């Protein structure tokens, strides 16, 4: 037998949980209660926001009887897929060259554990997310690209183009001194690591590259001078390690 006033209780619970988790209605994060007549089944669904585990625990704690047998469905916004794909690639994912379905499954594994995955930090991270979504949408207008298209674009093109669009120097996003030098001097596998994952050179590698370049532009020289304290720290750490190895072998 169904619990008394179950429909009203579940709908009220959806609103209560939305407020509890501070979900934004304008971003379509609000938890919705939906009833499937064919399956005779209730579903609580939402976009981004808290994880499945968080909502499940909160719902059972609030009204265990009413939510017995309820399905929970969490979907993701374009922003969540874009931010997740960027984080996935930055973590060193083995990119496959554009396999969107493979990529989106890996990104969703990561997103499942993340609360509020569609809220990038203001500034550079937000700009990267917006560029990725715009490129995935293409000329179809806003909100067309699916998660597999967004993740597939990162799987195909990596990340560096989001910071430094090809042929558009005026649209370059702010770079750290080490990133400036990496973008200019990285070669071979180091270059690939930068293009795909935004993995920079080490401070010592960047310093050596500028020192070996008699035609280094002013931007590169200025960037490497900012790295001098880090270069000294890296050398000191290397020297300390060598001394430890000598004393151990002795």
Protein backbone atom coordinates (compact mmCIF):
# COMPACT_ATOMS: atom_id res chain seq x y z
CA UNK A 1 0.00 0.00 0.00
CA UNK A 2 1.29 3.43 -0.95
CA UNK A 3 2.08 5.81 1.92
CA UNK A 4 -0.57 8.37 2.73
CA UNK A 5 -0.31 11.63 0.74
CA UNK A 6 2.79 10.28 -1.00
CA UNK A 7 2.50 12.55 -4.06
CA UNK A 8 2.34 15.73 -1.99
CA UNK A 9 5.11 14.56 0.31
CA UNK A 10 7.50 13.74 -2.54
CA UNK A 11 6.85 17.06 -4.32
CA UNK A 12 7.37 18.96 -1.08
CA UNK A 13 10.54 16.99 -0.42
CA UNK A 14 11.91 17.92 -3.86
CA UNK A 15 11.46 21.60 -3.03
CA UNK A 16 12.92 21.19 0.45
CA UNK A 17 16.00 19.37 -0.84
CA UNK A 18 16.54 22.01 -3.53
CA UNK A 19 16.63 24.68 -0.86
CA UNK A 20 18.78 22.54 1.44
CA UNK A 21 21.44 22.11 -1.26
CA UNK A 22 21.16 25.77 -2.35
CA UNK A 23 20.34 24.86 -5.94
CA UNK A 24 19.79 27.65 -8.45
CA UNK A 25 16.42 27.53 -10.22
CA UNK A 26 17.67 29.87 -12.96
CA UNK A 27 20.34 27.27 -13.88
CA UNK A 28 17.76 24.46 -13.96
CA UNK A 29 19.41 22.78 -10.98
CA UNK A 30 16.14 22.54 -9.01
CA UNK A 31 15.16 18.98 -8.06
CA UNK A 32 12.00 17.87 -9.85
CA UNK A 33 9.57 15.14 -8.81
CA UNK A 34 8.15 13.24 -11.78
CA UNK A 35 5.69 10.35 -11.88
CA UNK A 36 5.74 7.73 -14.65
CA UNK A 37 2.21 6.30 -15.06
CA UNK A 38 3.42 3.44 -17.23
CA UNK A 39 5.93 2.27 -14.66
CA UNK A 40 3.98 3.52 -11.66
CA UNK A 41 7.24 5.00 -10.45
CA UNK A 42 8.45 8.29 -8.96
CA UNK A 43 11.74 9.90 -10.00
CA UNK A 44 13.65 12.73 -8.39
CA UNK A 45 15.80 14.33 -11.10
CA UNK A 46 18.11 17.33 -11.22
CA UNK A 47 20.98 18.86 -13.17
CA UNK A 48 24.50 19.18 -11.68
CA UNK A 49 24.14 20.12 -8.00
CA UNK A 50 24.72 17.45 -5.32
CA UNK A 51 25.76 13.88 -6.04
CA UNK A 52 23.35 10.96 -6.22
CA UNK A 53 24.58 9.70 -2.87
CA UNK A 54 24.03 13.07 -1.20
CA UNK A 55 20.44 13.45 -2.43
CA UNK A 56 19.62 9.81 -1.66
CA UNK A 57 20.84 10.14 1.93
CA UNK A 58 19.08 13.46 2.47
CA UNK A 59 15.80 12.21 1.02
CA UNK A 60 15.76 9.09 3.18
CA UNK A 61 16.62 11.09 6.26
CA UNK A 62 13.78 13.54 5.56
CA UNK A 63 11.00 11.07 4.66
CA UNK A 64 12.13 7.45 4.35
CA UNK A 65 8.60 6.12 3.92
CA UNK A 66 7.65 8.44 1.05
CA UNK A 67 10.82 7.86 -0.98
CA UNK A 68 10.85 4.08 -0.68
CA UNK A 69 11.27 2.82 -4.26
CA UNK A 70 11.93 6.28 -5.73
CA UNK A 71 14.48 6.56 -8.58
CA UNK A 72 17.19 9.22 -8.49
CA UNK A 73 18.51 10.69 -11.73
CA UNK A 74 21.29 13.25 -11.99
CA UNK A 75 22.03 14.84 -15.37
CA UNK A 76 24.78 17.27 -16.37
CA UNK A 77 24.81 20.68 -18.00
CA UNK A 78 27.10 21.71 -20.84
CA UNK A 79 29.16 23.61 -18.28
CA UNK A 80 29.63 20.46 -16.19
CA UNK A 81 30.71 18.41 -19.18
CA UNK A 82 33.12 21.13 -20.31
CA UNK A 83 34.65 21.65 -16.88
CA UNK A 84 34.81 17.90 -16.33
CA UNK A 85 36.50 17.32 -19.68
CA UNK A 86 39.07 20.02 -18.97
CA UNK A 87 39.83 18.52 -15.56
CA UNK A 88 39.97 15.02 -17.05
CA UNK A 89 42.52 16.07 -19.68
CA UNK A 90 44.59 18.10 -17.21
CA UNK A 91 44.87 15.00 -15.03
CA UNK A 92 46.78 13.30 -17.85
CA UNK A 93 44.07 11.31 -19.63
CA UNK A 94 45.23 9.15 -22.53
CA UNK A 95 43.43 10.98 -25.36
CA UNK A 96 42.10 8.84 -28.20
CA UNK A 97 41.79 11.44 -30.96
CA UNK A 98 38.11 12.33 -30.89
CA UNK A 99 36.27 9.32 -29.45
CA UNK A 100 33.41 11.25 -27.89
CA UNK A 101 31.52 8.33 -26.35
CA UNK A 102 34.66 6.90 -24.79
CA UNK A 103 35.65 10.32 -23.46
CA UNK A 104 32.22 11.20 -22.06
CA UNK A 105 32.04 7.93 -20.13
CA UNK A 106 35.38 8.73 -18.46
CA UNK A 107 34.31 12.28 -17.69
CA UNK A 108 31.00 11.11 -16.21
CA UNK A 109 32.89 8.74 -13.90
CA UNK A 110 34.67 11.81 -12.54
CA UNK A 111 31.54 14.01 -12.41
CA UNK A 112 29.62 11.41 -10.41
CA UNK A 113 31.84 12.18 -7.41
CA UNK A 114 31.78 15.98 -7.74
CA UNK A 115 29.32 18.36 -6.10
CA UNK A 116 28.21 21.35 -8.22
CA UNK A 117 30.30 20.29 -11.25
CA UNK A 118 28.92 23.02 -13.51
CA UNK A 119 30.29 26.01 -11.63
CA UNK A 120 33.73 26.98 -12.99
CA UNK A 121 35.84 29.51 -11.14
CA UNK A 122 35.53 33.11 -12.36
CA UNK A 123 38.22 34.26 -14.77
CA UNK A 124 40.34 31.95 -16.89
CA UNK A 125 38.52 28.72 -16.03
CA UNK A 126 35.15 30.22 -16.97
CA UNK A 127 36.60 31.57 -20.23
CA UNK A 128 37.98 28.13 -21.13
CA UNK A 129 34.62 26.49 -20.45
CA UNK A 130 32.79 29.06 -22.55
CA UNK A 131 35.22 28.64 -25.45
CA UNK A 132 34.89 24.88 -25.37
CA UNK A 133 31.10 24.98 -25.37
CA UNK A 134 31.00 27.57 -28.15
CA UNK A 135 33.29 25.45 -30.32
CA UNK A 136 31.22 22.33 -29.65
CA UNK A 137 27.95 24.13 -30.45
CA UNK A 138 29.46 25.36 -33.71
CA UNK A 139 27.11 27.28 -35.98
CA UNK A 140 24.01 25.58 -34.57
CA UNK A 141 23.51 28.20 -31.87
CA UNK A 142 23.76 27.91 -28.09
CA UNK A 143 22.97 24.77 -26.08
CA UNK A 144 23.12 22.34 -29.01
CA UNK A 145 26.21 20.30 -28.18
CA UNK A 146 25.75 17.11 -26.18
CA UNK A 147 28.19 15.86 -23.58
CA UNK A 148 29.80 13.44 -26.01
CA UNK A 149 30.52 16.29 -28.44
CA UNK A 150 32.03 18.52 -25.77
CA UNK A 151 34.20 15.72 -24.32
CA UNK A 152 35.05 14.46 -27.79
CA UNK A 153 36.40 17.86 -28.77
CA UNK A 154 38.83 17.81 -25.85
CA UNK A 155 39.73 14.21 -26.67
CA UNK A 156 40.54 15.31 -30.23
CA UNK A 157 42.18 18.70 -29.72
CA UNK A 158 43.49 18.70 -26.17
CA UNK A 159 43.50 21.93 -24.15
CA UNK A 160 46.16 24.42 -25.28
CA UNK A 161 43.91 25.86 -28.01
CA UNK A 162 41.50 27.02 -25.31
CA UNK A 163 44.24 29.27 -23.91
CA UNK A 164 45.89 30.25 -27.18
CA UNK A 165 43.47 30.15 -30.16
CA UNK A 166 45.34 29.49 -33.40
CA UNK A 167 45.76 32.64 -35.46
CA UNK A 168 44.09 34.81 -32.81
CA UNK A 169 46.85 36.25 -30.60
CA UNK A 170 44.54 38.96 -29.28
CA UNK A 171 42.28 36.29 -27.76
CA UNK A 172 45.02 34.63 -25.71
CA UNK A 173 43.98 34.07 -22.12
CA UNK A 174 46.32 35.07 -19.25
CA UNK A 175 49.29 32.71 -18.94
CA UNK A 176 51.74 32.15 -16.11
CA UNK A 177 55.42 32.85 -16.89
CA UNK A 178 56.08 29.11 -17.05
CA UNK A 179 53.16 28.63 -19.47
CA UNK A 180 54.45 31.43 -21.70
CA UNK A 181 57.80 29.67 -21.97
CA UNK A 182 56.27 26.22 -22.39
CA UNK A 183 54.06 27.40 -25.26
CA UNK A 184 57.15 28.79 -27.01
CA UNK A 185 59.85 26.22 -26.29
CA UNK A 186 58.27 22.81 -25.64
CA UNK A 187 59.13 20.23 -28.32
CA UNK A 188 58.41 16.55 -28.95
CA UNK A 189 56.64 14.77 -26.10
CA UNK A 190 56.89 17.91 -23.97
CA UNK A 191 54.99 19.82 -26.64
CA UNK A 192 52.35 17.09 -26.87
CA UNK A 193 51.94 17.12 -23.09
CA UNK A 194 51.36 20.89 -23.27
CA UNK A 195 48.89 20.71 -26.17
CA UNK A 196 46.89 17.86 -24.67
CA UNK A 197 47.12 18.38 -20.92
CA UNK A 198 48.61 21.87 -20.32
CA UNK A 199 51.57 20.18 -18.64
CA UNK A 200 54.32 22.83 -18.41
CA UNK A 201 58.07 22.47 -18.65
CA UNK A 202 59.98 22.44 -15.38
CA UNK A 203 61.50 25.72 -14.26
CA UNK A 204 64.99 24.43 -15.08
CA UNK A 205 63.92 23.31 -18.58
CA UNK A 206 62.33 26.68 -19.30
CA UNK A 207 65.38 28.56 -18.01
CA UNK A 208 67.74 26.46 -20.13
CA UNK A 209 65.57 26.99 -23.23
CA UNK A 210 65.67 30.77 -22.93
CA UNK A 211 69.37 30.79 -22.12
CA UNK A 212 70.04 28.74 -25.27
CA UNK A 213 67.97 31.05 -27.47
CA UNK A 214 70.03 34.09 -28.56
CA UNK A 215 66.91 35.53 -30.20
CA UNK A 216 64.56 35.09 -27.25
CA UNK A 217 61.88 37.82 -27.39
CA UNK A 218 61.43 40.28 -24.56
CA UNK A 219 58.31 38.43 -23.34
CA UNK A 220 60.30 35.22 -22.89
CA UNK A 221 63.17 36.97 -21.11
CA UNK A 222 60.77 38.75 -18.79
CA UNK A 223 58.97 35.48 -18.07
CA UNK A 224 62.15 33.59 -17.23
CA UNK A 225 63.37 36.37 -14.96
CA UNK A 226 60.18 35.95 -12.94
CA UNK A 227 61.08 32.29 -12.56
CA UNK A 228 64.55 32.91 -11.12
CA UNK A 229 63.51 32.28 -7.47
CA UNK A 230 61.87 29.01 -8.53
CA UNK A 231 64.95 28.05 -10.54
CA UNK A 232 67.16 28.65 -7.50
CA UNK A 233 64.80 26.55 -5.36
CA UNK A 234 64.89 23.72 -7.91
CA UNK A 235 68.70 23.80 -8.02
CA UNK A 236 68.93 23.81 -4.22
CA UNK A 237 66.58 20.82 -4.05
CA UNK A 238 68.61 18.96 -6.66
CA UNK A 239 71.87 19.70 -4.83
CA UNK A 240 70.39 18.51 -1.54
CA UNK A 241 69.30 15.28 -3.20
CA UNK A 242 72.76 14.70 -4.67
CA UNK A 243 74.40 15.28 -1.29
CA UNK A 244 72.05 12.77 0.28
CA UNK A 245 72.94 10.22 -2.38
CA UNK A 246 76.68 10.79 -1.82
CA UNK A 247 76.41 10.45 1.94
CA UNK A 248 74.26 7.33 1.60
CA UNK A 249 76.62 5.66 -0.85
CA UNK A 250 79.59 6.57 1.38
